[in-house]
Every structure is written in structure tokens, then in C-alpha cells.
Amino acid sequence: MNNELLKYSLQLSMLSMLLSKHLLSDIEYKKIKIKLMKKYNIPTELYL
């Protein structure tokens, strides 16, 4: 599980970088993020 969470975190971080550089639209970002959450069984968004 730890390894999966790390993979998810890294991919989400890269996705956020693409969004910040305007290489993705907000809609694309959200769609990909939802797919990642499903792939890695992340049930909800956590904000720290």
C-alpha cells in the first residue's frame, strides 16, 4: 500500500505541475485526477 500511495503522490504532483504551467486545462486535470484516484483506490481528497 505504501508503494502505491507513493506512486499516486508522484503522479499527482506531476499532474499539478502540468496544470500550473498551463499545459493542461482544469477539465483535463480533473479527469486525469479522478482516473488516478480510481486506479490507486484513493476514496477521497485529503487536504493537509
PDB file of N, CA and C in Angstrom:
ATOM      1  N   MET A   1       0.829  -1.200   0.000  1.00  0.00           N
ATOM      2  CA  MET A   1       0.000   0.000   0.000  1.00  0.00           C
ATOM      3  C   MET A   1       0.869   1.257   0.000  1.00  0.00           C
ATOM      4  N   ASN A   2       1.930   1.274   0.773  1.00  0.00           N
ATOM      5  CA  ASN A   2       2.808   2.433   0.830  1.00  0.00           C
ATOM      6  C   ASN A   2       3.386   2.768  -0.536  1.00  0.00           C
ATOM      7  N   ASN A   3       3.802   1.738  -1.249  1.00  0.00           N
ATOM      8  CA  ASN A   3       4.365   1.929  -2.578  1.00  0.00           C
ATOM      9  C   ASN A   3       3.321   2.516  -3.530  1.00  0.00           C
ATOM     10  N   GLU A   4       2.103   2.050  -3.437  1.00  0.00           N
ATOM     11  CA  GLU A   4       1.022   2.561  -4.281  1.00  0.00           C
ATOM     12  C   GLU A   4       0.711   4.020  -3.959  1.00  0.00           C
ATOM     13  N   LEU A   5       0.738   4.345  -2.705  1.00  0.00           N
ATOM     14  CA  LEU A   5       0.484   5.723  -2.290  1.00  0.00           C
ATOM     15  C   LEU A   5       1.594   6.647  -2.793  1.00  0.00           C
ATOM     16  N   LEU A   6       2.806   6.164  -2.768  1.00  0.00           N
ATOM     17  CA  LEU A   6       3.932   6.942  -3.285  1.00  0.00           C
ATOM     18  C   LEU A   6       3.781   7.172  -4.787  1.00  0.00           C
ATOM     19  N   LYS A   7       3.418   6.139  -5.516  1.00  0.00           N
ATOM     20  CA  LYS A   7       3.203   6.277  -6.964  1.00  0.00           C
ATOM     21  C   LYS A   7       2.096   7.288  -7.257  1.00  0.00           C
ATOM     22  N   TYR A   8       1.016   7.181  -6.507  1.00  0.00           N
ATOM     23  CA  TYR A   8      -0.093   8.121  -6.682  1.00  0.00           C
ATOM     24  C   TYR A   8       0.368   9.548  -6.411  1.00  0.00           C
ATOM     25  N   SER A   9       1.085   9.734  -5.333  1.00  0.00           N
ATOM     26  CA  SER A   9       1.551  11.073  -4.950  1.00  0.00           C
ATOM     27  C   SER A   9       2.467  11.672  -6.006  1.00  0.00           C
ATOM     28  N   LEU A  10       3.361  10.872  -6.532  1.00  0.00           N
ATOM     29  CA  LEU A  10       4.270  11.360  -7.573  1.00  0.00           C
ATOM     30  C   LEU A  10       3.515  11.742  -8.840  1.00  0.00           C
ATOM     31  N   GLN A  11       2.589  10.911  -9.241  1.00  0.00           N
ATOM     32  CA  GLN A  11       1.824  11.203 -10.450  1.00  0.00           C
ATOM     33  C   GLN A  11       0.938  12.431 -10.258  1.00  0.00           C
ATOM     34  N   LEU A  12       0.367  12.565  -9.096  1.00  0.00           N
ATOM     35  CA  LEU A  12      -0.458  13.734  -8.812  1.00  0.00           C
ATOM     36  C   LEU A  12       0.388  15.008  -8.799  1.00  0.00           C
ATOM     37  N   SER A  13       1.576  14.894  -8.272  1.00  0.00           N
ATOM     38  CA  SER A  13       2.493  16.032  -8.256  1.00  0.00           C
ATOM     39  C   SER A  13       2.858  16.459  -9.678  1.00  0.00           C
ATOM     40  N   MET A  14       3.165  15.503 -10.521  1.00  0.00           N
ATOM     41  CA  MET A  14       3.488  15.819 -11.921  1.00  0.00           C
ATOM     42  C   MET A  14       2.287  16.422 -12.639  1.00  0.00           C
ATOM     43  N   LEU A  15       1.139  15.891 -12.348  1.00  0.00           N
ATOM     44  CA  LEU A  15      -0.087  16.416 -12.941  1.00  0.00           C
ATOM     45  C   LEU A  15      -0.315  17.867 -12.519  1.00  0.00           C
ATOM     46  N   SER A  16      -0.073  18.151 -11.268  1.00  0.00           N
ATOM     47  CA  SER A  16      -0.221  19.520 -10.767  1.00  0.00           C
ATOM     48  C   SER A  16       0.771  20.470 -11.427  1.00  0.00           C
ATOM     49  N   MET A  17       1.963  19.976 -11.692  1.00  0.00           N
ATOM     50  CA  MET A  17       2.959  20.803 -12.379  1.00  0.00           C
ATOM     51  C   MET A  17       2.506  21.139 -13.792  1.00  0.00           C
ATOM     52  N   LEU A  18       1.941  20.166 -14.473  1.00  0.00           N
ATOM     53  CA  LEU A  18       1.431  20.421 -15.824  1.00  0.00           C
ATOM     54  C   LEU A  18       0.323  21.468 -15.799  1.00  0.00           C
ATOM     55  N   LEU A  19      -0.525  21.376 -14.814  1.00  0.00           N
ATOM     56  CA  LEU A  19      -1.603  22.354 -14.681  1.00  0.00           C
ATOM     57  C   LEU A  19      -1.040  23.751 -14.405  1.00  0.00           C
ATOM     58  N   SER A  20      -0.073  23.827 -13.529  1.00  0.00           N
ATOM     59  CA  SER A  20       0.491  25.133 -13.174  1.00  0.00           C
ATOM     60  C   SER A  20       1.224  25.790 -14.343  1.00  0.00           C
ATOM     61  N   LYS A  21       1.735  24.968 -15.255  1.00  0.00           N
ATOM     62  CA  LYS A  21       2.424  25.508 -16.438  1.00  0.00           C
ATOM     63  C   LYS A  21       1.464  25.702 -17.614  1.00  0.00           C
ATOM     64  N   HIS A  22       0.187  25.521 -17.348  1.00  0.00           N
ATOM     65  CA  HIS A  22      -0.877  25.696 -18.343  1.00  0.00           C
ATOM     66  C   HIS A  22      -0.725  24.750 -19.538  1.00  0.00           C
ATOM     67  N   LEU A  23      -0.222  23.557 -19.253  1.00  0.00           N
ATOM     68  CA  LEU A  23      -0.120  22.533 -20.287  1.00  0.00           C
ATOM     69  C   LEU A  23      -1.333  21.613 -20.273  1.00  0.00           C
ATOM     70  N   LEU A  24      -2.153  21.758 -19.252  1.00  0.00           N
ATOM     71  CA  LEU A  24      -3.430  21.041 -19.127  1.00  0.00           C
ATOM     72  C   LEU A  24      -4.504  22.048 -18.755  1.00  0.00           C
ATOM     73  N   SER A  25      -5.709  21.775 -19.204  1.00  0.00           N
ATOM     74  CA  SER A  25      -6.839  22.600 -18.762  1.00  0.00           C
ATOM     75  C   SER A  25      -7.340  22.059 -17.419  1.00  0.00           C
ATOM     76  N   ASP A  26      -8.171  22.831 -16.756  1.00  0.00           N
ATOM     77  CA  ASP A  26      -8.749  22.378 -15.485  1.00  0.00           C
ATOM     78  C   ASP A  26      -9.568  21.108 -15.672  1.00  0.00           C
ATOM     79  N   ILE A  27     -10.282  21.043 -16.765  1.00  0.00           N
ATOM     80  CA  ILE A  27     -11.120  19.864 -17.036  1.00  0.00           C
ATOM     81  C   ILE A  27     -10.256  18.627 -17.237  1.00  0.00           C
ATOM     82  N   GLU A  28      -9.182  18.763 -18.018  1.00  0.00           N
ATOM     83  CA  GLU A  28      -8.274  17.635 -18.234  1.00  0.00           C
ATOM     84  C   GLU A  28      -7.650  17.191 -16.911  1.00  0.00           C
ATOM     85  N   TYR A  29      -7.241  18.159 -16.116  1.00  0.00           N
ATOM     86  CA  TYR A  29      -6.639  17.866 -14.816  1.00  0.00           C
ATOM     87  C   TYR A  29      -7.598  17.046 -13.948  1.00  0.00           C
ATOM     88  N   LYS A  30      -8.831  17.497 -13.862  1.00  0.00           N
ATOM     89  CA  LYS A  30      -9.815  16.810 -13.021  1.00  0.00           C
ATOM     90  C   LYS A  30     -10.106  15.399 -13.517  1.00  0.00           C
ATOM     91  N   LYS A  31     -10.213  15.238 -14.830  1.00  0.00           N
ATOM     92  CA  LYS A  31     -10.481  13.908 -15.389  1.00  0.00           C
ATOM     93  C   LYS A  31      -9.343  12.942 -15.080  1.00  0.00           C
ATOM     94  N   ILE A  32      -8.120  13.405 -15.278  1.00  0.00           N
ATOM     95  CA  ILE A  32      -6.962  12.544 -15.027  1.00  0.00           C
ATOM     96  C   ILE A  32      -6.837  12.244 -13.537  1.00  0.00           C
ATOM     97  N   LYS A  33      -7.090  13.240 -12.714  1.00  0.00           N
ATOM     98  CA  LYS A  33      -7.006  13.040 -11.267  1.00  0.00           C
ATOM     99  C   LYS A  33      -8.014  11.995 -10.799  1.00  0.00           C
ATOM    100  N   ILE A  34      -9.214  12.047 -11.326  1.00  0.00           N
ATOM    101  CA  ILE A  34     -10.236  11.053 -10.969  1.00  0.00           C
ATOM    102  C   ILE A  34      -9.791   9.654 -11.387  1.00  0.00           C
ATOM    103  N   LYS A  35      -9.199   9.546 -12.570  1.00  0.00           N
ATOM    104  CA  LYS A  35      -8.700   8.243 -13.026  1.00  0.00           C
ATOM    105  C   LYS A  35      -7.591   7.725 -12.115  1.00  0.00           C
ATOM    106  N   LEU A  36      -6.701   8.608 -11.708  1.00  0.00           N
ATOM    107  CA  LEU A  36      -5.635   8.202 -10.785  1.00  0.00           C
ATOM    108  C   LEU A  36      -6.209   7.756  -9.448  1.00  0.00           C
ATOM    109  N   MET A  37      -7.188   8.481  -8.953  1.00  0.00           N
ATOM    110  CA  MET A  37      -7.801   8.115  -7.678  1.00  0.00           C
ATOM    111  C   MET A  37      -8.446   6.734  -7.765  1.00  0.00           C
ATOM    112  N   LYS A  38      -9.091   6.442  -8.876  1.00  0.00           N
ATOM    113  CA  LYS A  38      -9.701   5.121  -9.054  1.00  0.00           C
ATOM    114  C   LYS A  38      -8.630   4.044  -9.173  1.00  0.00           C
ATOM    115  N   LYS A  39      -7.597   4.335  -9.952  1.00  0.00           N
ATOM    116  CA  LYS A  39      -6.523   3.359 -10.172  1.00  0.00           C
ATOM    117  C   LYS A  39      -5.844   2.963  -8.865  1.00  0.00           C
ATOM    118  N   TYR A  40      -5.598   3.942  -8.006  1.00  0.00           N
ATOM    119  CA  TYR A  40      -4.880   3.683  -6.761  1.00  0.00           C
ATOM    120  C   TYR A  40      -5.800   3.564  -5.550  1.00  0.00           C
ATOM    121  N   ASN A  41      -7.093   3.442  -5.796  1.00  0.00           N
ATOM    122  CA  ASN A  41      -8.085   3.252  -4.727  1.00  0.00           C
ATOM    123  C   ASN A  41      -8.004   4.337  -3.652  1.00  0.00           C
ATOM    124  N   ILE A  42      -7.975   5.569  -4.103  1.00  0.00           N
ATOM    125  CA  ILE A  42      -7.987   6.714  -3.187  1.00  0.00           C
ATOM    126  C   ILE A  42      -9.445   7.178  -3.111  1.00  0.00           C
ATOM    127  N   PRO A  43     -10.105   6.946  -1.987  1.00  0.00           N
ATOM    128  CA  PRO A  43     -11.548   7.207  -1.925  1.00  0.00           C
ATOM    129  C   PRO A  43     -11.941   8.678  -1.879  1.00  0.00           C
ATOM    130  N   THR A  44     -11.076   9.525  -1.349  1.00  0.00           N
ATOM    131  CA  THR A  44     -11.442  10.925  -1.192  1.00  0.00           C
ATOM    132  C   THR A  44     -10.196  11.799  -1.255  1.00  0.00           C
ATOM    133  N   GLU A  45     -10.415  13.081  -1.460  1.00  0.00           N
ATOM    134  CA  GLU A  45      -9.304  14.023  -1.465  1.00  0.00           C
ATOM    135  C   GLU A  45      -9.012  14.451  -0.038  1.00  0.00           C
ATOM    136  N   LEU A  46      -7.760  14.497   0.300  1.00  0.00           N
ATOM    137  CA  LEU A  46      -7.356  14.939   1.632  1.00  0.00           C
ATOM    138  C   LEU A  46      -6.564  16.225   1.504  1.00  0.00           C
ATOM    139  N   TYR A  47      -6.913  17.181   2.317  1.00  0.00           N
ATOM    140  CA  TYR A  47      -6.190  18.448   2.330  1.00  0.00           C
ATOM    141  C   TYR A  47      -5.527  18.602   3.683  1.00  0.00           C
ATOM    142  N   LEU A  48      -4.241  18.777   3.662  1.00  0.00           N
ATOM    143  CA  LEU A  48      -3.496  18.920   4.927  1.00  0.00           C
ATOM    144  C   LEU A  48      -3.137  20.356   5.167  1.00  0.00           C
TER     145      LEU A  48
END
